[in-house]
Amino acid sequence: MSGKRNSPRLNIYIHDPAIRREIKAMAAQRDVSISEFCLQAIHRQLAAAEDISRGKEKDLLRSAIAKANRFRTRIFGKKVYRVSSADLIHEARESRDHS
C-alpha cells in the first residue's frame, strides 16, 4: 500500500459524462481499474506516436540518401572514386590549419 502513496499522479478531467461511462464500462469489461485502463491507453498512444516518429525519421533518411545519390550521379556520373572522404576531410583540415 505504501507504494501507491508514493506513486506519481496524473489527473484527467473528463467533462463529458458519456465518455466517463464508456471508459468505466470498458475498464470493467477488461476487469481493470479506470486508472489502469487509462494507463494502458496512454501506453498504446505513446507507442503509436513513437512508431510514427520512427517512420518519419526513416522517411527523412531515405529521402536524404536519394537526394545525395541524385547529386552524386549528376556531378560525377558513373565515375567511381576510391578516395576516402575521411582522408579528404583530414587533408582539408590540415591545409586550413597550416595556412
C-alpha atoms as a PDB file:
ATOM      1  CA  MET A   1       0.000   0.000   0.000  1.00  0.00           C
ATOM      2  CA  SER A   2       2.876   2.413   0.708  1.00  0.00           C
ATOM      3  CA  GLY A   3       3.997   2.065  -2.935  1.00  0.00           C
ATOM      4  CA  LYS A   4       0.712   3.540  -4.146  1.00  0.00           C
ATOM      5  CA  ARG A   5       1.029   6.580  -1.882  1.00  0.00           C
ATOM      6  CA  ASN A   6       4.434   7.355  -3.397  1.00  0.00           C
ATOM      7  CA  SER A   7       3.331   6.811  -6.993  1.00  0.00           C
ATOM      8  CA  PRO A   8       3.298   9.868  -9.253  1.00  0.00           C
ATOM      9  CA  ARG A   9      -0.201  11.030 -10.091  1.00  0.00           C
ATOM     10  CA  LEU A  10      -1.816  12.309 -13.255  1.00  0.00           C
ATOM     11  CA  ASN A  11      -5.276  13.809 -13.034  1.00  0.00           C
ATOM     12  CA  ILE A  12      -7.515  13.624 -16.079  1.00  0.00           C
ATOM     13  CA  TYR A  13     -10.635  15.754 -16.096  1.00  0.00           C
ATOM     14  CA  ILE A  14     -13.415  14.372 -18.272  1.00  0.00           C
ATOM     15  CA  HIS A  15     -16.213  16.863 -18.747  1.00  0.00           C
ATOM     16  CA  ASP A  16     -18.424  14.584 -20.820  1.00  0.00           C
ATOM     17  CA  PRO A  17     -20.282  12.088 -18.581  1.00  0.00           C
ATOM     18  CA  ALA A  18     -20.915   9.773 -21.549  1.00  0.00           C
ATOM     19  CA  ILE A  19     -17.202   9.352 -22.161  1.00  0.00           C
ATOM     20  CA  ARG A  20     -16.608   8.705 -18.469  1.00  0.00           C
ATOM     21  CA  ARG A  21     -19.306   5.998 -18.501  1.00  0.00           C
ATOM     22  CA  GLU A  22     -17.753   4.465 -21.629  1.00  0.00           C
ATOM     23  CA  ILE A  23     -14.290   4.403 -20.041  1.00  0.00           C
ATOM     24  CA  LYS A  24     -15.732   2.900 -16.861  1.00  0.00           C
ATOM     25  CA  ALA A  25     -17.583   0.208 -18.858  1.00  0.00           C
ATOM     26  CA  MET A  26     -14.524  -0.659 -20.950  1.00  0.00           C
ATOM     27  CA  ALA A  27     -12.377  -0.924 -17.825  1.00  0.00           C
ATOM     28  CA  ALA A  28     -14.971  -3.189 -16.193  1.00  0.00           C
ATOM     29  CA  GLN A  29     -15.085  -5.417 -19.300  1.00  0.00           C
ATOM     30  CA  ARG A  30     -11.331  -5.866 -19.013  1.00  0.00           C
ATOM     31  CA  ASP A  31     -11.550  -6.310 -15.228  1.00  0.00           C
ATOM     32  CA  VAL A  32      -9.129  -3.453 -14.542  1.00  0.00           C
ATOM     33  CA  SER A  33      -9.453  -0.160 -12.717  1.00  0.00           C
ATOM     34  CA  ILE A  34     -10.223   3.021 -14.600  1.00  0.00           C
ATOM     35  CA  SER A  35      -6.701   4.208 -13.791  1.00  0.00           C
ATOM     36  CA  GLU A  36      -5.179   1.020 -15.214  1.00  0.00           C
ATOM     37  CA  PHE A  37      -7.376   1.198 -18.312  1.00  0.00           C
ATOM     38  CA  CYS A  38      -6.330   4.822 -18.924  1.00  0.00           C
ATOM     39  CA  LEU A  39      -2.670   3.984 -18.291  1.00  0.00           C
ATOM     40  CA  GLN A  40      -2.841   1.157 -20.848  1.00  0.00           C
ATOM     41  CA  ALA A  41      -4.445   3.528 -23.368  1.00  0.00           C
ATOM     42  CA  ILE A  42      -1.727   6.101 -22.748  1.00  0.00           C
ATOM     43  CA  HIS A  43       0.987   3.460 -23.242  1.00  0.00           C
ATOM     44  CA  ARG A  44      -0.605   2.397 -26.555  1.00  0.00           C
ATOM     45  CA  GLN A  45      -0.836   6.015 -27.705  1.00  0.00           C
ATOM     46  CA  LEU A  46       2.791   6.742 -26.789  1.00  0.00           C
ATOM     47  CA  ALA A  47       3.972   3.604 -28.604  1.00  0.00           C
ATOM     48  CA  ALA A  48       1.982   4.571 -31.698  1.00  0.00           C
ATOM     49  CA  ALA A  49       3.392   8.104 -31.617  1.00  0.00           C
ATOM     50  CA  GLU A  50       6.910   6.691 -31.292  1.00  0.00           C
ATOM     51  CA  ASP A  51       6.319   4.365 -34.255  1.00  0.00           C
ATOM     52  CA  ILE A  52       5.106   7.306 -36.330  1.00  0.00           C
ATOM     53  CA  SER A  53       8.140   9.335 -35.303  1.00  0.00           C
ATOM     54  CA  ARG A  54      10.486   6.498 -36.251  1.00  0.00           C
ATOM     55  CA  GLY A  55       8.707   6.138 -39.578  1.00  0.00           C
ATOM     56  CA  LYS A  56       9.153   9.849 -40.289  1.00  0.00           C
ATOM     57  CA  GLU A  57      12.849   9.613 -39.388  1.00  0.00           C
ATOM     58  CA  LYS A  58      13.260   6.658 -41.748  1.00  0.00           C
ATOM     59  CA  ASP A  59      11.421   8.551 -44.499  1.00  0.00           C
ATOM     60  CA  LEU A  60      13.665  11.585 -43.971  1.00  0.00           C
ATOM     61  CA  LEU A  61      16.766   9.396 -44.077  1.00  0.00           C
ATOM     62  CA  ARG A  62      15.604   7.630 -47.250  1.00  0.00           C
ATOM     63  CA  SER A  63      14.849  10.993 -48.819  1.00  0.00           C
ATOM     64  CA  ALA A  64      18.270  12.379 -47.867  1.00  0.00           C
ATOM     65  CA  ILE A  65      20.027   9.304 -49.268  1.00  0.00           C
ATOM     66  CA  ALA A  66      18.075   9.517 -52.522  1.00  0.00           C
ATOM     67  CA  LYS A  67      18.873  13.226 -52.802  1.00  0.00           C
ATOM     68  CA  ALA A  68      22.580  12.569 -52.164  1.00  0.00           C
ATOM     69  CA  ASN A  69      22.589   9.810 -54.782  1.00  0.00           C
ATOM     70  CA  ARG A  70      20.928  12.088 -57.360  1.00  0.00           C
ATOM     71  CA  PHE A  71      23.518  14.791 -56.601  1.00  0.00           C
ATOM     72  CA  ARG A  72      26.403  12.313 -56.899  1.00  0.00           C
ATOM     73  CA  THR A  73      25.077  10.987 -60.195  1.00  0.00           C
ATOM     74  CA  ARG A  74      24.523  14.496 -61.571  1.00  0.00           C
ATOM     75  CA  ILE A  75      28.013  15.681 -60.582  1.00  0.00           C
ATOM     76  CA  PHE A  76      30.135  12.570 -61.077  1.00  0.00           C
ATOM     77  CA  GLY A  77      28.071  10.451 -63.438  1.00  0.00           C
ATOM     78  CA  LYS A  78      29.117   6.823 -63.267  1.00  0.00           C
ATOM     79  CA  LYS A  79      32.665   7.582 -62.181  1.00  0.00           C
ATOM     80  CA  VAL A  80      33.748   5.783 -59.036  1.00  0.00           C
ATOM     81  CA  TYR A  81      36.339   7.426 -56.832  1.00  0.00           C
ATOM     82  CA  ARG A  82      38.331   5.279 -54.463  1.00  0.00           C
ATOM     83  CA  VAL A  83      39.320   8.165 -52.185  1.00  0.00           C
ATOM     84  CA  SER A  84      38.242   8.069 -48.578  1.00  0.00           C
ATOM     85  CA  SER A  85      36.076  11.037 -47.639  1.00  0.00           C
ATOM     86  CA  ALA A  86      37.618  10.898 -44.160  1.00  0.00           C
ATOM     87  CA  ASP A  87      41.072  11.313 -45.734  1.00  0.00           C
ATOM     88  CA  LEU A  88      39.849  14.271 -47.799  1.00  0.00           C
ATOM     89  CA  ILE A  89      38.372  15.957 -44.721  1.00  0.00           C
ATOM     90  CA  HIS A  90      41.565  15.332 -42.733  1.00  0.00           C
ATOM     91  CA  GLU A  91      43.670  16.726 -45.574  1.00  0.00           C
ATOM     92  CA  ALA A  92      41.464  19.830 -45.914  1.00  0.00           C
ATOM     93  CA  ARG A  93      41.648  20.474 -42.166  1.00  0.00           C
ATOM     94  CA  GLU A  94      45.423  20.165 -42.168  1.00  0.00           C
ATOM     95  CA  SER A  95      45.808  22.596 -45.061  1.00  0.00           C
ATOM     96  CA  ARG A  96      43.401  25.030 -43.389  1.00  0.00           C
ATOM     97  CA  ASP A  97      45.201  24.816 -40.042  1.00  0.00           C
ATOM     98  CA  HIS A  98      48.616  25.333 -41.625  1.00  0.00           C
ATOM     99  CA  SER A  99      47.542  28.341 -43.688  1.00  0.00           C
END
